[in-house]
Amino acid sequence: MFDLSISEILIIAAVILIAVRPEDIPDIMSAIGKTLAKLKDFIREFSFSLDENKKDHRYTTKKIVDLEGNTREAYDVPLPEKQEPERSNNDQNN
């Protein structure tokens, strides 16, 4: 996700060790762990809600094959019903 190499992570860890007192490190690591747990729960709940929304969606999906032979998913979207314009009383008499 962030595309950090091991050497970059070690440099960041060294800077943190220099900038933060050693007795504060457990508190900082605990706060980071709690934040990551909350983020993980949020992502799980968000993806679950997306899955539920997709299941409840009124459109159906189809598998189609394009000209290159790739299989894709397409939505079968119903077209809106065509509404005829309302006729006035003058139009009905003619």
PDB file of N, CA and C in Angstrom:
ATOM      1  N   MET A   1       0.829  -1.190   0.000  1.00  0.00           N
ATOM      2  CA  MET A   1       0.000   0.000   0.000  1.00  0.00           C
ATOM      3  C   MET A   1       0.871   1.249   0.000  1.00  0.00           C
ATOM      4  N   PHE A   2       1.827   1.322   0.953  1.00  0.00           N
ATOM      5  CA  PHE A   2       2.689   2.496   1.017  1.00  0.00           C
ATOM      6  C   PHE A   2       3.976   2.276   0.252  1.00  0.00           C
ATOM      7  N   ASP A   3       4.273   1.011  -0.084  1.00  0.00           N
ATOM      8  CA  ASP A   3       5.461   0.652  -0.853  1.00  0.00           C
ATOM      9  C   ASP A   3       6.734   1.120  -0.167  1.00  0.00           C
ATOM     10  N   LEU A   4       6.908   0.740   1.110  1.00  0.00           N
ATOM     11  CA  LEU A   4       8.108   1.073   1.871  1.00  0.00           C
ATOM     12  C   LEU A   4       9.029  -0.138   1.900  1.00  0.00           C
ATOM     13  N   SER A   5      10.321   0.103   1.688  1.00  0.00           N
ATOM     14  CA  SER A   5      11.281  -0.985   1.777  1.00  0.00           C
ATOM     15  C   SER A   5      11.715  -1.151   3.235  1.00  0.00           C
ATOM     16  N   ILE A   6      12.441  -2.226   3.515  1.00  0.00           N
ATOM     17  CA  ILE A   6      12.906  -2.502   4.874  1.00  0.00           C
ATOM     18  C   ILE A   6      13.833  -1.389   5.356  1.00  0.00           C
ATOM     19  N   SER A   7      14.709  -0.891   4.488  1.00  0.00           N
ATOM     20  CA  SER A   7      15.640   0.164   4.908  1.00  0.00           C
ATOM     21  C   SER A   7      14.894   1.453   5.263  1.00  0.00           C
ATOM     22  N   GLU A   8      13.843   1.771   4.527  1.00  0.00           N
ATOM     23  CA  GLU A   8      13.055   2.965   4.843  1.00  0.00           C
ATOM     24  C   GLU A   8      12.331   2.807   6.173  1.00  0.00           C
ATOM     25  N   ILE A   9      11.813   1.607   6.447  1.00  0.00           N
ATOM     26  CA  ILE A   9      11.143   1.358   7.721  1.00  0.00           C
ATOM     27  C   ILE A   9      12.133   1.464   8.872  1.00  0.00           C
ATOM     28  N   LEU A  10      13.354   0.940   8.693  1.00  0.00           N
ATOM     29  CA  LEU A  10      14.377   1.032   9.744  1.00  0.00           C
ATOM     30  C   LEU A  10      14.784   2.479  10.008  1.00  0.00           C
ATOM     31  N   ILE A  11      14.866   3.293   8.971  1.00  0.00           N
ATOM     32  CA  ILE A  11      15.203   4.714   9.154  1.00  0.00           C
ATOM     33  C   ILE A  11      14.088   5.416   9.918  1.00  0.00           C
ATOM     34  N   ILE A  12      12.842   5.133   9.571  1.00  0.00           N
ATOM     35  CA  ILE A  12      11.710   5.737  10.286  1.00  0.00           C
ATOM     36  C   ILE A  12      11.716   5.299  11.748  1.00  0.00           C
ATOM     37  N   ALA A  13      11.985   4.012  12.007  1.00  0.00           N
ATOM     38  CA  ALA A  13      12.037   3.512  13.382  1.00  0.00           C
ATOM     39  C   ALA A  13      13.159   4.181  14.164  1.00  0.00           C
ATOM     40  N   ALA A  14      14.325   4.394  13.528  1.00  0.00           N
ATOM     41  CA  ALA A  14      15.446   5.047  14.207  1.00  0.00           C
ATOM     42  C   ALA A  14      15.103   6.491  14.555  1.00  0.00           C
ATOM     43  N   VAL A  15      14.452   7.199  13.649  1.00  0.00           N
ATOM     44  CA  VAL A  15      14.056   8.589  13.916  1.00  0.00           C
ATOM     45  C   VAL A  15      13.051   8.635  15.068  1.00  0.00           C
ATOM     46  N   ILE A  16      12.133   7.691  15.105  1.00  0.00           N
ATOM     47  CA  ILE A  16      11.159   7.646  16.197  1.00  0.00           C
ATOM     48  C   ILE A  16      11.850   7.368  17.513  1.00  0.00           C
ATOM     49  N   LEU A  17      12.816   6.445  17.516  1.00  0.00           N
ATOM     50  CA  LEU A  17      13.542   6.147  18.753  1.00  0.00           C
ATOM     51  C   LEU A  17      14.341   7.348  19.250  1.00  0.00           C
ATOM     52  N   ILE A  18      14.852   8.149  18.345  1.00  0.00           N
ATOM     53  CA  ILE A  18      15.607   9.344  18.737  1.00  0.00           C
ATOM     54  C   ILE A  18      14.655  10.428  19.230  1.00  0.00           C
ATOM     55  N   ALA A  19      13.515  10.583  18.565  1.00  0.00           N
ATOM     56  CA  ALA A  19      12.603  11.676  18.890  1.00  0.00           C
ATOM     57  C   ALA A  19      11.730  11.393  20.114  1.00  0.00           C
ATOM     58  N   VAL A  20      11.493  10.124  20.431  1.00  0.00           N
ATOM     59  CA  VAL A  20      10.573   9.768  21.509  1.00  0.00           C
ATOM     60  C   VAL A  20      11.368   9.150  22.661  1.00  0.00           C
ATOM     61  N   ARG A  21      10.965   9.491  23.874  1.00  0.00           N
ATOM     62  CA  ARG A  21      11.625   8.901  25.041  1.00  0.00           C
ATOM     63  C   ARG A  21      11.280   7.417  25.113  1.00  0.00           C
ATOM     64  N   PRO A  22      12.204   6.591  25.556  1.00  0.00           N
ATOM     65  CA  PRO A  22      11.967   5.144  25.605  1.00  0.00           C
ATOM     66  C   PRO A  22      10.766   4.750  26.469  1.00  0.00           C
ATOM     67  N   GLU A  23      10.483   5.487  27.539  1.00  0.00           N
ATOM     68  CA  GLU A  23       9.353   5.121  28.387  1.00  0.00           C
ATOM     69  C   GLU A  23       8.005   5.448  27.725  1.00  0.00           C
ATOM     70  N   ASP A  24       7.996   6.279  26.688  1.00  0.00           N
ATOM     71  CA  ASP A  24       6.757   6.612  25.977  1.00  0.00           C
ATOM     72  C   ASP A  24       6.443   5.653  24.825  1.00  0.00           C
ATOM     73  N   ILE A  25       7.413   4.823  24.446  1.00  0.00           N
ATOM     74  CA  ILE A  25       7.237   3.928  23.298  1.00  0.00           C
ATOM     75  C   ILE A  25       6.072   2.952  23.495  1.00  0.00           C
ATOM     76  N   PRO A  26       5.908   2.292  24.678  1.00  0.00           N
ATOM     77  CA  PRO A  26       4.748   1.383  24.814  1.00  0.00           C
ATOM     78  C   PRO A  26       3.409   2.094  24.651  1.00  0.00           C
ATOM     79  N   ASP A  27       3.291   3.317  25.161  1.00  0.00           N
ATOM     80  CA  ASP A  27       2.042   4.067  25.001  1.00  0.00           C
ATOM     81  C   ASP A  27       1.782   4.403  23.532  1.00  0.00           C
ATOM     82  N   ILE A  28       2.829   4.781  22.837  1.00  0.00           N
ATOM     83  CA  ILE A  28       2.693   5.118  21.416  1.00  0.00           C
ATOM     84  C   ILE A  28       2.320   3.884  20.606  1.00  0.00           C
ATOM     85  N   MET A  29       2.978   2.754  20.894  1.00  0.00           N
ATOM     86  CA  MET A  29       2.669   1.521  20.170  1.00  0.00           C
ATOM     87  C   MET A  29       1.238   1.066  20.461  1.00  0.00           C
ATOM     88  N   SER A  30       0.781   1.243  21.690  1.00  0.00           N
ATOM     89  CA  SER A  30      -0.591   0.895  22.043  1.00  0.00           C
ATOM     90  C   SER A  30      -1.582   1.770  21.284  1.00  0.00           C
ATOM     91  N   ALA A  31      -1.296   3.053  21.216  1.00  0.00           N
ATOM     92  CA  ALA A  31      -2.175   3.969  20.487  1.00  0.00           C
ATOM     93  C   ALA A  31      -2.209   3.624  18.998  1.00  0.00           C
ATOM     94  N   ILE A  32      -1.058   3.277  18.443  1.00  0.00           N
ATOM     95  CA  ILE A  32      -1.010   2.896  17.031  1.00  0.00           C
ATOM     96  C   ILE A  32      -1.812   1.616  16.808  1.00  0.00           C
ATOM     97  N   GLY A  33      -1.667   0.646  17.706  1.00  0.00           N
ATOM     98  CA  GLY A  33      -2.410  -0.609  17.588  1.00  0.00           C
ATOM     99  C   GLY A  33      -3.909  -0.394  17.669  1.00  0.00           C
ATOM    100  N   LYS A  34      -4.361   0.454  18.605  1.00  0.00           N
ATOM    101  CA  LYS A  34      -5.790   0.737  18.739  1.00  0.00           C
ATOM    102  C   LYS A  34      -6.326   1.440  17.495  1.00  0.00           C
ATOM    103  N   THR A  35      -5.531   2.373  16.969  1.00  0.00           N
ATOM    104  CA  THR A  35      -5.947   3.093  15.765  1.00  0.00           C
ATOM    105  C   THR A  35      -6.057   2.151  14.573  1.00  0.00           C
ATOM    106  N   LEU A  36      -5.079   1.253  14.430  1.00  0.00           N
ATOM    107  CA  LEU A  36      -5.128   0.293  13.325  1.00  0.00           C
ATOM    108  C   LEU A  36      -6.306  -0.671  13.480  1.00  0.00           C
ATOM    109  N   ALA A  37      -6.633  -1.070  14.713  1.00  0.00           N
ATOM    110  CA  ALA A  37      -7.777  -1.946  14.947  1.00  0.00           C
ATOM    111  C   ALA A  37      -9.077  -1.245  14.570  1.00  0.00           C
ATOM    112  N   LYS A  38      -9.209   0.034  14.946  1.00  0.00           N
ATOM    113  CA  LYS A  38     -10.407   0.792  14.574  1.00  0.00           C
ATOM    114  C   LYS A  38     -10.517   0.935  13.063  1.00  0.00           C
ATOM    115  N   LEU A  39      -9.380   1.188  12.404  1.00  0.00           N
ATOM    116  CA  LEU A  39      -9.367   1.317  10.956  1.00  0.00           C
ATOM    117  C   LEU A  39      -9.766   0.001  10.293  1.00  0.00           C
ATOM    118  N   LYS A  40      -9.257  -1.110  10.820  1.00  0.00           N
ATOM    119  CA  LYS A  40      -9.600  -2.425  10.276  1.00  0.00           C
ATOM    120  C   LYS A  40     -11.094  -2.701  10.447  1.00  0.00           C
ATOM    121  N   ASP A  41     -11.660  -2.373  11.602  1.00  0.00           N
ATOM    122  CA  ASP A  41     -13.098  -2.556  11.828  1.00  0.00           C
ATOM    123  C   ASP A  41     -13.923  -1.694  10.881  1.00  0.00           C
ATOM    124  N   PHE A  42     -13.479  -0.449  10.670  1.00  0.00           N
ATOM    125  CA  PHE A  42     -14.189   0.444   9.761  1.00  0.00           C
ATOM    126  C   PHE A  42     -14.182  -0.112   8.344  1.00  0.00           C
ATOM    127  N   ILE A  43     -13.027  -0.595   7.899  1.00  0.00           N
ATOM    128  CA  ILE A  43     -12.922  -1.142   6.540  1.00  0.00           C
ATOM    129  C   ILE A  43     -13.792  -2.383   6.400  1.00  0.00           C
ATOM    130  N   ARG A  44     -13.806  -3.249   7.421  1.00  0.00           N
ATOM    131  CA  ARG A  44     -14.631  -4.453   7.380  1.00  0.00           C
ATOM    132  C   ARG A  44     -16.114  -4.080   7.311  1.00  0.00           C
ATOM    133  N   GLU A  45     -16.528  -3.126   8.136  1.00  0.00           N
ATOM    134  CA  GLU A  45     -17.938  -2.714   8.141  1.00  0.00           C
ATOM    135  C   GLU A  45     -18.331  -2.053   6.822  1.00  0.00           C
ATOM    136  N   PHE A  46     -17.425  -1.236   6.271  1.00  0.00           N
ATOM    137  CA  PHE A  46     -17.701  -0.560   5.011  1.00  0.00           C
ATOM    138  C   PHE A  46     -17.829  -1.568   3.876  1.00  0.00           C
ATOM    139  N   SER A  47     -16.932  -2.551   3.811  1.00  0.00           N
ATOM    140  CA  SER A  47     -17.017  -3.541   2.740  1.00  0.00           C
ATOM    141  C   SER A  47     -18.260  -4.408   2.902  1.00  0.00           C
ATOM    142  N   PHE A  48     -18.658  -4.713   4.156  1.00  0.00           N
ATOM    143  CA  PHE A  48     -19.877  -5.469   4.386  1.00  0.00           C
ATOM    144  C   PHE A  48     -21.097  -4.684   3.896  1.00  0.00           C
ATOM    145  N   SER A  49     -21.127  -3.372   4.175  1.00  0.00           N
ATOM    146  CA  SER A  49     -22.267  -2.570   3.733  1.00  0.00           C
ATOM    147  C   SER A  49     -22.314  -2.479   2.207  1.00  0.00           C
ATOM    148  N   LEU A  50     -21.156  -2.439   1.565  1.00  0.00           N
ATOM    149  CA  LEU A  50     -21.139  -2.436   0.099  1.00  0.00           C
ATOM    150  C   LEU A  50     -21.677  -3.750  -0.448  1.00  0.00           C
ATOM    151  N   ASP A  51     -21.289  -4.869   0.178  1.00  0.00           N
ATOM    152  CA  ASP A  51     -21.787  -6.167  -0.268  1.00  0.00           C
ATOM    153  C   ASP A  51     -23.304  -6.265  -0.081  1.00  0.00           C
ATOM    154  N   GLU A  52     -23.798  -5.783   1.053  1.00  0.00           N
ATOM    155  CA  GLU A  52     -25.233  -5.820   1.297  1.00  0.00           C
ATOM    156  C   GLU A  52     -25.978  -4.931   0.300  1.00  0.00           C
ATOM    157  N   ASN A  53     -25.409  -3.761   0.004  1.00  0.00           N
ATOM    158  CA  ASN A  53     -26.034  -2.851  -0.950  1.00  0.00           C
ATOM    159  C   ASN A  53     -26.075  -3.481  -2.335  1.00  0.00           C
ATOM    160  N   LYS A  54     -25.017  -4.180  -2.694  1.00  0.00           N
ATOM    161  CA  LYS A  54     -24.980  -4.823  -4.003  1.00  0.00           C
ATOM    162  C   LYS A  54     -26.021  -5.931  -4.092  1.00  0.00           C
ATOM    163  N   LYS A  55     -26.234  -6.669  -2.982  1.00  0.00           N
ATOM    164  CA  LYS A  55     -27.233  -7.735  -2.981  1.00  0.00           C
ATOM    165  C   LYS A  55     -28.636  -7.164  -3.100  1.00  0.00           C
ATOM    166  N   ASP A  56     -28.875  -6.027  -2.457  1.00  0.00           N
ATOM    167  CA  ASP A  56     -30.202  -5.430  -2.465  1.00  0.00           C
ATOM    168  C   ASP A  56     -30.487  -4.632  -3.731  1.00  0.00           C
ATOM    169  N   HIS A  57     -29.495  -4.469  -4.555  1.00  0.00           N
ATOM    170  CA  HIS A  57     -29.655  -3.625  -5.731  1.00  0.00           C
ATOM    171  C   HIS A  57     -30.650  -4.250  -6.687  1.00  0.00           C
ATOM    172  N   ARG A  58     -31.425  -3.445  -7.360  1.00  0.00           N
ATOM    173  CA  ARG A  58     -32.497  -3.971  -8.204  1.00  0.00           C
ATOM    174  C   ARG A  58     -32.007  -4.427  -9.564  1.00  0.00           C
ATOM    175  N   TYR A  59     -30.770  -4.144  -9.921  1.00  0.00           N
ATOM    176  CA  TYR A  59     -30.257  -4.555 -11.214  1.00  0.00           C
ATOM    177  C   TYR A  59     -29.618  -5.933 -11.103  1.00  0.00           C
ATOM    178  N   THR A  60     -29.777  -6.709 -12.130  1.00  0.00           N
ATOM    179  CA  THR A  60     -29.122  -8.009 -12.172  1.00  0.00           C
ATOM    180  C   THR A  60     -27.868  -7.881 -13.017  1.00  0.00           C
ATOM    181  N   THR A  61     -26.970  -8.817 -12.826  1.00  0.00           N
ATOM    182  CA  THR A  61     -25.735  -8.786 -13.596  1.00  0.00           C
ATOM    183  C   THR A  61     -25.686  -9.987 -14.527  1.00  0.00           C
ATOM    184  N   LYS A  62     -24.958  -9.797 -15.608  1.00  0.00           N
ATOM    185  CA  LYS A  62     -24.753 -10.853 -16.584  1.00  0.00           C
ATOM    186  C   LYS A  62     -23.267 -10.945 -16.875  1.00  0.00           C
ATOM    187  N   LYS A  63     -22.829 -12.113 -17.251  1.00  0.00           N
ATOM    188  CA  LYS A  63     -21.463 -12.290 -17.732  1.00  0.00           C
ATOM    189  C   LYS A  63     -21.520 -12.158 -19.250  1.00  0.00           C
ATOM    190  N   ILE A  64     -20.677 -11.282 -19.794  1.00  0.00           N
ATOM    191  CA  ILE A  64     -20.622 -11.121 -21.245  1.00  0.00           C
ATOM    192  C   ILE A  64     -19.180 -11.309 -21.697  1.00  0.00           C
ATOM    193  N   VAL A  65     -19.008 -11.636 -22.945  1.00  0.00           N
ATOM    194  CA  VAL A  65     -17.682 -11.828 -23.519  1.00  0.00           C
ATOM    195  C   VAL A  65     -17.490 -10.768 -24.591  1.00  0.00           C
ATOM    196  N   ASP A  66     -16.388  -9.997 -24.476  1.00  0.00           N
ATOM    197  CA  ASP A  66     -16.146  -8.961 -25.469  1.00  0.00           C
ATOM    198  C   ASP A  66     -15.444  -9.555 -26.693  1.00  0.00           C
ATOM    199  N   LEU A  67     -15.086  -8.707 -27.643  1.00  0.00           N
ATOM    200  CA  LEU A  67     -14.513  -9.172 -28.907  1.00  0.00           C
ATOM    201  C   LEU A  67     -13.153  -9.854 -28.720  1.00  0.00           C
ATOM    202  N   GLU A  68     -12.419  -9.464 -27.664  1.00  0.00           N
ATOM    203  CA  GLU A  68     -11.121 -10.082 -27.420  1.00  0.00           C
ATOM    204  C   GLU A  68     -11.240 -11.398 -26.660  1.00  0.00           C
ATOM    205  N   GLY A  69     -12.446 -11.759 -26.238  1.00  0.00           N
ATOM    206  CA  GLY A  69     -12.647 -12.997 -25.505  1.00  0.00           C
ATOM    207  C   GLY A  69     -12.595 -12.831 -23.999  1.00  0.00           C
ATOM    208  N   ASN A  70     -12.483 -11.596 -23.511  1.00  0.00           N
ATOM    209  CA  ASN A  70     -12.459 -11.346 -22.075  1.00  0.00           C
ATOM    210  C   ASN A  70     -13.871 -11.397 -21.516  1.00  0.00           C
ATOM    211  N   THR A  71     -14.018 -12.059 -20.376  1.00  0.00           N
ATOM    212  CA  THR A  71     -15.326 -12.129 -19.725  1.00  0.00           C
ATOM    213  C   THR A  71     -15.472 -10.947 -18.792  1.00  0.00           C
ATOM    214  N   ARG A  72     -16.591 -10.270 -18.879  1.00  0.00           N
ATOM    215  CA  ARG A  72     -16.854  -9.098 -18.046  1.00  0.00           C
ATOM    216  C   ARG A  72     -18.237  -9.226 -17.427  1.00  0.00           C
ATOM    217  N   GLU A  73     -18.438  -8.450 -16.367  1.00  0.00           N
ATOM    218  CA  GLU A  73     -19.744  -8.426 -15.718  1.00  0.00           C
ATOM    219  C   GLU A  73     -20.466  -7.158 -16.159  1.00  0.00           C
ATOM    220  N   ALA A  74     -21.702  -7.300 -16.584  1.00  0.00           N
ATOM    221  CA  ALA A  74     -22.482  -6.153 -17.038  1.00  0.00           C
ATOM    222  C   ALA A  74     -23.802  -6.119 -16.285  1.00  0.00           C
ATOM    223  N   TYR A  75     -24.291  -4.929 -16.067  1.00  0.00           N
ATOM    224  CA  TYR A  75     -25.569  -4.752 -15.388  1.00  0.00           C
ATOM    225  C   TYR A  75     -26.697  -4.774 -16.401  1.00  0.00           C
ATOM    226  N   ASP A  76     -27.740  -5.493 -16.066  1.00  0.00           N
ATOM    227  CA  ASP A  76     -28.945  -5.518 -16.887  1.00  0.00           C
ATOM    228  C   ASP A  76     -29.865  -4.440 -16.322  1.00  0.00           C
ATOM    229  N   VAL A  77     -29.796  -3.249 -16.887  1.00  0.00           N
ATOM    230  CA  VAL A  77     -30.533  -2.101 -16.371  1.00  0.00           C
ATOM    231  C   VAL A  77     -31.852  -1.976 -17.117  1.00  0.00           C
ATOM    232  N   PRO A  78     -32.968  -2.015 -16.384  1.00  0.00           N
ATOM    233  CA  PRO A  78     -34.248  -1.863 -17.067  1.00  0.00           C
ATOM    234  C   PRO A  78     -34.413  -0.431 -17.586  1.00  0.00           C
ATOM    235  N   LEU A  79     -34.966  -0.324 -18.769  1.00  0.00           N
ATOM    236  CA  LEU A  79     -35.206   1.004 -19.333  1.00  0.00           C
ATOM    237  C   LEU A  79     -36.425   1.614 -18.655  1.00  0.00           C
ATOM    238  N   PRO A  80     -36.401   2.934 -18.458  1.00  0.00           N
ATOM    239  CA  PRO A  80     -37.577   3.559 -17.841  1.00  0.00           C
ATOM    240  C   PRO A  80     -38.776   3.435 -18.769  1.00  0.00           C
ATOM    241  N   GLU A  81     -39.929   3.284 -18.157  1.00  0.00           N
ATOM    242  CA  GLU A  81     -41.142   3.181 -18.962  1.00  0.00           C
ATOM    243  C   GLU A  81     -41.426   4.513 -19.637  1.00  0.00           C
ATOM    244  N   LYS A  82     -41.818   4.427 -20.889  1.00  0.00           N
ATOM    245  CA  LYS A  82     -42.099   5.638 -21.646  1.00  0.00           C
ATOM    246  C   LYS A  82     -43.461   6.173 -21.229  1.00  0.00           C
ATOM    247  N   GLN A  83     -43.477   7.411 -20.815  1.00  0.00           N
ATOM    248  CA  GLN A  83     -44.731   8.026 -20.382  1.00  0.00           C
ATOM    249  C   GLN A  83     -45.270   8.896 -21.508  1.00  0.00           C
ATOM    250  N   GLU A  84     -46.535   8.699 -21.770  1.00  0.00           N
ATOM    251  CA  GLU A  84     -47.162   9.514 -22.805  1.00  0.00           C
ATOM    252  C   GLU A  84     -47.533  10.852 -22.190  1.00  0.00           C
ATOM    253  N   PRO A  85     -47.391  11.943 -22.965  1.00  0.00           N
ATOM    254  CA  PRO A  85     -47.773  13.256 -22.426  1.00  0.00           C
ATOM    255  C   PRO A  85     -49.264  13.307 -22.151  1.00  0.00           C
ATOM    256  N   GLU A  86     -49.605  14.016 -21.109  1.00  0.00           N
ATOM    257  CA  GLU A  86     -51.020  14.147 -20.765  1.00  0.00           C
ATOM    258  C   GLU A  86     -51.729  14.976 -21.827  1.00  0.00           C
ATOM    259  N   ARG A  87     -52.928  14.550 -22.158  1.00  0.00           N
ATOM    260  CA  ARG A  87     -53.694  15.268 -23.168  1.00  0.00           C
ATOM    261  C   ARG A  87     -54.653  16.214 -22.463  1.00  0.00           C
ATOM    262  N   SER A  88     -54.780  17.370 -23.023  1.00  0.00           N
ATOM    263  CA  SER A  88     -55.704  18.350 -22.450  1.00  0.00           C
ATOM    264  C   SER A  88     -57.131  18.037 -22.929  1.00  0.00           C
ATOM    265  N   ASN A  89     -58.111  18.710 -22.357  1.00  0.00           N
ATOM    266  CA  ASN A  89     -59.513  18.482 -22.742  1.00  0.00           C
ATOM    267  C   ASN A  89     -59.773  18.841 -24.198  1.00  0.00           C
ATOM    268  N   ASN A  90     -59.066  19.850 -24.714  1.00  0.00           N
ATOM    269  CA  ASN A  90     -59.243  20.231 -26.110  1.00  0.00           C
ATOM    270  C   ASN A  90     -58.775  19.130 -27.050  1.00  0.00           C
ATOM    271  N   ASP A  91     -57.678  18.436 -26.672  1.00  0.00           N
ATOM    272  CA  ASP A  91     -57.171  17.359 -27.521  1.00  0.00           C
ATOM    273  C   ASP A  91     -58.126  16.178 -27.538  1.00  0.00           C
ATOM    274  N   GLN A  92     -58.804  15.924 -26.438  1.00  0.00           N
ATOM    275  CA  GLN A  92     -59.701  14.767 -26.364  1.00  0.00           C
ATOM    276  C   GLN A  92     -60.974  14.978 -27.191  1.00  0.00           C
ATOM    277  N   ASN A  93     -61.396  16.246 -27.334  1.00  0.00           N
ATOM    278  CA  ASN A  93     -62.608  16.538 -28.094  1.00  0.00           C
ATOM    279  C   ASN A  93     -62.386  16.421 -29.597  1.00  0.00           C
ATOM    280  N   ASN A  94     -61.179  16.545 -30.075  1.00  0.00           N
ATOM    281  CA  ASN A  94     -60.893  16.503 -31.511  1.00  0.00           C
ATOM    282  C   ASN A  94     -60.767  15.127 -32.035  1.00  0.00           C
TER     283      ASN A  94
END
